[in-house]
Amino acid sequence: MQLKDCFEKALEASRELNCVSASKIDRTLTALADAAEKHTDEILEANREDLARMEPSDPMYDRLLLNRERIAGIAADIRNVASLPSPLGKILSETVRPNGMKITKVSVPFGVIGVIYEARPNVGFDVFSLCLKSGNACILKGGSDARCSNEAIVRVIREVLREQGLDENCVTLMPADRAATAELLNAVGYVDLIIPRGSKGLIDFVRQNAHVPVIETGAGICVVRAINIIQDDLFDMDTIPFVSGLILPAVSEQLVVFGLHDIDKQIVAVFLPRLERKRELARNNVAAVEGMGERADARYATDEFVVGVRFKLLQHFD
């Protein structure tokens, strides 16, 4: 498969963006937010095609799912990006050398940014908005699970670009196959930066195989402290703050660490089953227990987790 033409068009579009004013970029983003809401039915119809190919019990299902509330949230996020000050043309530092030469560091776009991600259709809107705001063209390589959703989203984006008088090649959607990934990772001279968003396996693969510079992402770590409130007569799961990683773990890819401070096995026996029930409600599919000393309960002692919760049984939690 040859995608050179797509890369060349993205490169040309990135150069044209250098001449686009910050106000026009903001107007385009605002128009995109309106268009996302206007085309909600079209996007959801495409998303239903993707969902039909996946079992609802699959932990990826919630990551893939779009609904009216989520699209409204996406549109709000795009408007928030539009309201931010432009990051371009900022003088970051100035130095005068002993010979009188003045050196100025100024923020400029990368050029063309390729983003590889999995079954997250919202990423298309997110990445494009941030790239356009920063004066970059973007090449999107989404997972095959979200193929229909990604295609619908990019159609909306390209329609807005044309209406605003910008090159539609400011965004390009790659075919959802591995051959396209290989070409993107080797698009030297066309793509200036690759950002993988997804599992550790995806990130490792990109880092090991890319001939284009890579910026790695990773799992967020959120820590919740559960101390002496964990007692039979006082304990209530609703008193523990459930951060986004536990509410929507499939979206956030976060590793939530529960630190259980100075607790005994009897309290663990109360805490873990109740958390198990809570995480089932949160669509969190796997839990792992590890700690200092004996493991509390073999049913929870698994090292296999996808986007789950890890419990650390600590003697001291500082």
Protein backbone atom coordinates (compact mmCIF):
# COMPACT_ATOMS: atom_id res chain seq x y z
CA MET A 1 0.00 0.00 0.00
CA GLN A 2 1.37 3.42 -0.99
CA LEU A 3 0.17 6.39 1.01
CA LYS A 4 2.76 8.85 -0.24
CA ASP A 5 0.13 11.04 -1.90
CA CYS A 6 -1.72 11.42 1.41
CA PHE A 7 1.49 12.33 3.20
CA GLU A 8 2.39 14.90 0.54
CA LYS A 9 -1.04 16.54 0.78
CA ALA A 10 -0.83 16.68 4.57
CA LEU A 11 2.61 18.28 4.32
CA GLU A 12 1.35 20.93 1.89
CA ALA A 13 -1.65 21.61 4.13
CA SER A 14 0.64 22.10 7.14
CA ARG A 15 2.62 24.72 5.20
CA GLU A 16 -0.54 26.57 4.25
CA LEU A 17 -1.54 26.69 7.92
CA ASN A 18 1.49 28.88 8.59
CA CYS A 19 -0.38 31.68 6.82
CA VAL A 20 -3.69 31.22 8.64
CA SER A 21 -4.51 33.74 11.36
CA ALA A 22 -5.28 32.71 14.93
CA SER A 23 -8.75 34.24 14.65
CA LYS A 24 -9.58 32.12 11.60
CA ILE A 25 -8.41 28.99 13.40
CA ASP A 26 -10.68 29.85 16.33
CA ARG A 27 -13.64 30.46 14.01
CA THR A 28 -13.01 27.10 12.36
CA LEU A 29 -12.95 25.31 15.72
CA THR A 30 -16.15 27.01 16.80
CA ALA A 31 -17.77 25.98 13.52
CA LEU A 32 -16.56 22.42 14.10
CA ALA A 33 -18.18 22.33 17.54
CA ASP A 34 -21.46 23.43 15.97
CA ALA A 35 -21.09 20.86 13.19
CA ALA A 36 -20.40 18.02 15.66
CA GLU A 37 -23.72 18.76 17.33
CA LYS A 38 -25.51 19.25 14.01
CA HIS A 39 -24.28 15.90 12.69
CA THR A 40 -24.87 13.98 15.92
CA ASP A 41 -27.37 11.59 14.30
CA GLU A 42 -24.97 10.79 11.47
CA ILE A 43 -22.09 10.14 13.86
CA LEU A 44 -24.20 7.99 16.17
CA GLU A 45 -25.47 5.92 13.25
CA ALA A 46 -21.89 5.17 12.23
CA ASN A 47 -21.00 4.44 15.84
CA ARG A 48 -23.83 1.91 16.07
CA GLU A 49 -22.30 0.04 13.14
CA ASP A 50 -19.05 -0.25 15.07
CA LEU A 51 -20.81 -1.25 18.29
CA ALA A 52 -22.73 -3.98 16.45
CA ARG A 53 -19.44 -5.75 15.79
CA MET A 54 -18.47 -5.81 19.47
CA GLU A 55 -19.93 -7.66 22.44
CA PRO A 56 -21.34 -5.31 25.10
CA SER A 57 -19.43 -7.30 27.71
CA ASP A 58 -16.14 -6.39 26.02
CA PRO A 59 -14.24 -3.87 28.21
CA MET A 60 -13.54 -1.88 25.02
CA TYR A 61 -17.27 -1.36 24.44
CA ASP A 62 -17.59 1.66 26.70
CA ARG A 63 -14.49 3.20 25.13
CA LEU A 64 -16.07 2.82 21.70
CA LEU A 65 -19.51 4.05 22.70
CA LEU A 66 -20.72 7.50 21.65
CA ASN A 67 -24.03 9.05 22.65
CA ARG A 68 -25.61 12.49 22.57
CA GLU A 69 -24.20 13.44 25.94
CA ARG A 70 -20.67 12.51 24.94
CA ILE A 71 -20.87 14.36 21.63
CA ALA A 72 -22.16 17.44 23.47
CA GLY A 73 -19.15 17.11 25.76
CA ILE A 74 -16.83 16.83 22.75
CA ALA A 75 -18.34 19.98 21.26
CA ALA A 76 -17.86 21.82 24.56
CA ASP A 77 -14.22 20.72 24.66
CA ILE A 78 -13.66 22.01 21.11
CA ARG A 79 -15.10 25.38 22.11
CA ASN A 80 -12.78 25.42 25.12
CA VAL A 81 -9.79 24.87 22.83
CA ALA A 82 -11.00 27.68 20.58
CA SER A 83 -11.14 30.03 23.58
CA LEU A 84 -7.52 29.40 24.56
CA PRO A 85 -4.84 31.90 23.57
CA SER A 86 -2.85 30.92 20.50
CA PRO A 87 0.37 29.08 21.41
CA LEU A 88 2.05 30.25 18.18
CA GLY A 89 4.57 33.02 17.81
CA LYS A 90 5.31 33.27 21.52
CA ILE A 91 8.77 34.48 22.45
CA LEU A 92 10.00 31.85 24.87
CA SER A 93 13.45 33.27 25.52
CA GLU A 94 15.96 35.77 24.19
CA THR A 95 19.73 35.71 24.50
CA VAL A 96 22.41 38.12 23.33
CA ARG A 97 25.75 36.48 22.66
CA PRO A 98 29.06 38.18 23.54
CA ASN A 99 29.55 39.07 19.87
CA GLY A 100 26.23 40.92 19.85
CA MET A 101 24.20 38.22 18.05
CA LYS A 102 20.65 38.10 19.35
CA ILE A 103 19.08 34.63 19.58
CA THR A 104 15.32 34.35 20.08
CA LYS A 105 13.39 31.17 20.77
CA VAL A 106 9.87 31.36 19.29
CA SER A 107 7.08 28.77 19.44
CA VAL A 108 6.24 27.33 16.01
CA PRO A 109 4.22 24.33 14.77
CA PHE A 110 5.77 20.89 14.36
CA GLY A 111 4.20 20.56 10.91
CA VAL A 112 2.49 17.19 10.44
CA ILE A 113 1.61 15.12 13.50
CA GLY A 114 0.56 11.48 13.19
CA VAL A 115 -1.52 10.04 16.02
CA ILE A 116 -2.11 6.29 16.38
CA TYR A 117 -4.94 5.28 18.67
CA GLU A 118 -7.30 2.41 19.32
CA ALA A 119 -11.07 2.18 19.73
CA ARG A 120 -11.65 5.77 20.81
CA PRO A 121 -13.64 7.71 18.21
CA ASN A 122 -13.61 10.89 20.32
CA VAL A 123 -9.84 11.11 19.77
CA GLY A 124 -10.38 12.25 16.18
CA PHE A 125 -12.08 15.45 17.34
CA ASP A 126 -9.65 15.95 20.23
CA VAL A 127 -6.48 15.54 18.19
CA PHE A 128 -7.66 17.65 15.27
CA SER A 129 -8.73 20.50 17.56
CA LEU A 130 -5.39 20.62 19.38
CA CYS A 131 -3.40 20.25 16.17
CA LEU A 132 -5.28 22.99 14.33
CA LYS A 133 -5.02 25.31 17.33
CA SER A 134 -1.25 24.83 17.32
CA GLY A 135 -0.96 25.21 13.53
CA ASN A 136 -0.34 21.55 12.72
CA ALA A 137 -1.89 19.19 10.19
CA CYS A 138 -2.72 15.78 11.60
CA ILE A 139 -2.81 12.24 10.27
CA LEU A 140 -5.12 9.96 12.23
CA LYS A 141 -4.62 6.20 12.44
CA GLY A 142 -7.54 4.81 14.39
CA GLY A 143 -8.29 1.22 15.28
CA SER A 144 -10.45 -0.98 13.08
CA ASP A 145 -13.06 -1.32 15.85
CA ALA A 146 -13.97 2.36 15.38
CA ARG A 147 -13.61 2.50 11.59
CA CYS A 148 -17.13 3.70 10.79
CA SER A 149 -17.16 6.25 13.61
CA ASN A 150 -13.76 7.64 12.60
CA GLU A 151 -14.82 7.97 8.98
CA ALA A 152 -17.98 9.86 9.93
CA ILE A 153 -16.06 12.19 12.24
CA VAL A 154 -13.39 13.00 9.65
CA ARG A 155 -16.11 13.68 7.05
CA VAL A 156 -17.58 16.30 9.40
CA ILE A 157 -14.17 17.85 10.05
CA ARG A 158 -13.30 18.03 6.35
CA GLU A 159 -16.66 19.59 5.52
CA VAL A 160 -16.01 22.33 8.07
CA LEU A 161 -12.49 22.93 6.73
CA ARG A 162 -13.82 23.39 3.21
CA GLU A 163 -16.57 25.75 4.40
CA GLN A 164 -13.97 27.85 6.22
CA GLY A 165 -11.70 28.03 3.19
CA LEU A 166 -8.99 25.78 4.61
CA ASP A 167 -7.34 22.76 3.05
CA GLU A 168 -9.30 19.61 3.93
CA ASN A 169 -5.98 17.77 4.11
CA CYS A 170 -5.32 19.44 7.44
CA VAL A 171 -6.79 16.15 8.66
CA THR A 172 -6.21 12.76 7.06
CA LEU A 173 -7.63 9.42 8.17
CA MET A 174 -5.43 6.44 7.44
CA PRO A 175 -6.84 3.02 6.51
CA ALA A 176 -7.54 0.90 9.58
CA ASP A 177 -4.95 -1.79 8.87
CA ARG A 178 -1.44 -2.61 10.04
CA ALA A 179 0.15 -1.90 6.68
CA ALA A 180 -0.93 1.73 6.99
CA THR A 181 0.61 1.90 10.45
CA ALA A 182 3.93 0.69 9.07
CA GLU A 183 3.90 3.34 6.36
CA LEU A 184 3.06 6.08 8.83
CA LEU A 185 5.91 5.05 11.13
CA ASN A 186 8.28 5.31 8.19
CA ALA A 187 6.99 8.56 6.65
CA VAL A 188 10.32 10.33 7.07
CA GLY A 189 10.31 13.73 5.39
CA TYR A 190 6.52 14.01 5.55
CA VAL A 191 5.51 13.38 9.16
CA ASP A 192 7.35 15.35 11.83
CA LEU A 193 6.08 13.60 14.93
CA ILE A 194 4.21 10.45 15.94
CA ILE A 195 2.14 10.19 19.12
CA PRO A 196 0.75 6.77 20.08
CA ARG A 197 -2.31 6.84 22.34
CA GLY A 198 -3.30 3.47 23.70
CA SER A 199 -2.03 0.38 25.43
CA LYS A 200 1.52 -0.25 26.54
CA GLY A 201 1.83 -2.76 23.70
CA LEU A 202 0.90 -0.12 21.12
CA ILE A 203 3.27 2.44 22.60
CA ASP A 204 6.14 -0.06 22.73
CA PHE A 205 5.50 -1.12 19.14
CA VAL A 206 5.56 2.46 17.88
CA ARG A 207 8.69 3.34 19.82
CA GLN A 208 10.54 0.28 18.57
CA ASN A 209 9.52 0.56 14.91
CA ALA A 210 9.17 4.26 14.13
CA HIS A 211 11.74 6.10 12.03
CA VAL A 212 9.86 9.32 12.79
CA PRO A 213 10.35 11.08 16.17
CA VAL A 214 7.92 9.77 18.81
CA ILE A 215 6.41 11.31 21.93
CA GLU A 216 5.27 8.60 24.33
CA THR A 217 2.14 8.76 26.40
CA GLY A 218 1.46 6.49 29.35
CA ALA A 219 -1.00 5.39 31.99
CA GLY A 220 -2.11 7.95 34.51
CA ILE A 221 -1.78 6.98 38.16
CA CYS A 222 -4.44 8.10 40.60
CA VAL A 223 -4.09 7.34 44.30
CA VAL A 224 -7.02 7.02 46.67
CA ARG A 225 -6.31 6.78 50.37
CA ALA A 226 -8.54 4.44 52.35
CA ILE A 227 -7.43 4.64 55.97
CA ASN A 228 -9.24 3.80 59.19
CA ILE A 229 -12.72 4.49 57.83
CA ILE A 230 -12.72 0.94 56.53
CA GLN A 231 -14.64 -0.68 59.34
CA ASP A 232 -17.81 -2.70 59.26
CA ASP A 233 -19.95 -0.12 61.01
CA LEU A 234 -18.52 2.92 59.22
CA PHE A 235 -17.41 1.65 55.86
CA ASP A 236 -19.28 2.92 52.83
CA MET A 237 -17.85 2.74 49.31
CA ASP A 238 -19.58 6.01 48.50
CA THR A 239 -17.31 7.81 50.98
CA ILE A 240 -14.25 7.00 48.85
CA PRO A 241 -13.67 9.42 45.98
CA PHE A 242 -13.98 7.59 42.69
CA VAL A 243 -11.85 9.45 40.20
CA SER A 244 -12.36 9.39 36.46
CA GLY A 245 -10.08 6.40 36.04
CA LEU A 246 -12.49 4.25 38.00
CA ILE A 247 -15.68 5.75 36.61
CA LEU A 248 -14.56 5.50 32.99
CA PRO A 249 -11.40 3.39 33.05
CA ALA A 250 -11.74 2.39 29.42
CA VAL A 251 -11.50 6.01 28.36
CA SER A 252 -8.83 7.22 30.77
CA GLU A 253 -6.45 4.25 30.66
CA GLN A 254 -5.62 5.11 34.24
CA LEU A 255 -4.16 2.86 36.87
CA VAL A 256 -5.94 3.61 40.14
CA VAL A 257 -3.91 2.71 43.20
CA PHE A 258 -5.74 2.17 46.46
CA GLY A 259 -3.43 2.55 49.44
CA LEU A 260 -4.79 0.68 52.43
CA HIS A 261 -3.02 2.05 55.46
CA ASP A 262 -2.20 -0.16 58.46
CA ILE A 263 -5.06 -2.56 57.85
CA ASP A 264 -5.45 -6.17 58.78
CA LYS A 265 -6.73 -9.06 56.73
CA GLN A 266 -10.17 -8.81 58.32
CA ILE A 267 -10.63 -5.27 57.02
CA VAL A 268 -9.27 -6.28 53.62
CA ALA A 269 -11.86 -9.03 53.53
CA VAL A 270 -14.53 -6.33 53.90
CA PHE A 271 -12.97 -3.75 51.61
CA LEU A 272 -12.13 -5.79 48.53
CA PRO A 273 -15.49 -7.50 47.98
CA ARG A 274 -17.29 -4.18 48.36
CA LEU A 275 -14.90 -2.50 45.96
CA GLU A 276 -15.41 -5.43 43.61
CA ARG A 277 -19.13 -4.72 43.52
CA LYS A 278 -18.49 -1.02 43.02
CA ARG A 279 -16.06 -1.53 40.18
CA GLU A 280 -18.50 -3.84 38.43
CA LEU A 281 -20.90 -0.93 38.37
CA ALA A 282 -18.08 1.20 37.03
CA ARG A 283 -17.53 -1.27 34.15
CA ASN A 284 -14.05 -1.99 35.45
CA ASN A 285 -13.28 -5.52 34.44
CA VAL A 286 -10.15 -6.71 36.23
CA ALA A 287 -8.50 -6.08 39.58
CA ALA A 288 -5.11 -7.00 40.92
CA VAL A 289 -3.91 -7.24 44.47
CA GLU A 290 -0.29 -6.93 45.37
CA GLY A 291 1.38 -5.91 48.57
CA MET A 292 3.84 -6.41 51.32
CA GLY A 293 3.27 -9.63 53.17
CA GLU A 294 0.54 -12.17 52.49
CA ARG A 295 -2.08 -11.60 49.84
CA ALA A 296 -5.46 -10.96 51.29
CA ASP A 297 -7.65 -13.08 49.09
CA ALA A 298 -6.65 -15.38 46.25
CA ARG A 299 -9.77 -14.48 44.28
CA TYR A 300 -8.39 -11.00 43.80
CA ALA A 301 -4.74 -11.99 43.45
CA THR A 302 -4.30 -11.80 39.71
CA ASP A 303 -1.56 -10.01 37.83
CA GLU A 304 -3.63 -9.79 34.66
CA PHE A 305 -5.40 -6.52 34.15
CA VAL A 306 -6.22 -4.45 31.11
CA VAL A 307 -7.43 -1.09 32.34
CA GLY A 308 -8.04 -1.88 35.95
CA VAL A 309 -7.36 -1.13 39.53
CA ARG A 310 -4.28 -2.12 41.47
CA PHE A 311 -4.40 -2.39 45.25
CA LYS A 312 -1.27 -1.93 47.28
CA LEU A 313 -1.39 -3.20 50.85
CA LEU A 314 1.11 -0.94 52.54
CA GLN A 315 2.44 -0.76 56.08
CA HIS A 316 3.03 2.95 55.61
CA PHE A 317 1.36 5.21 53.05
CA ASP A 318 3.24 8.47 52.87
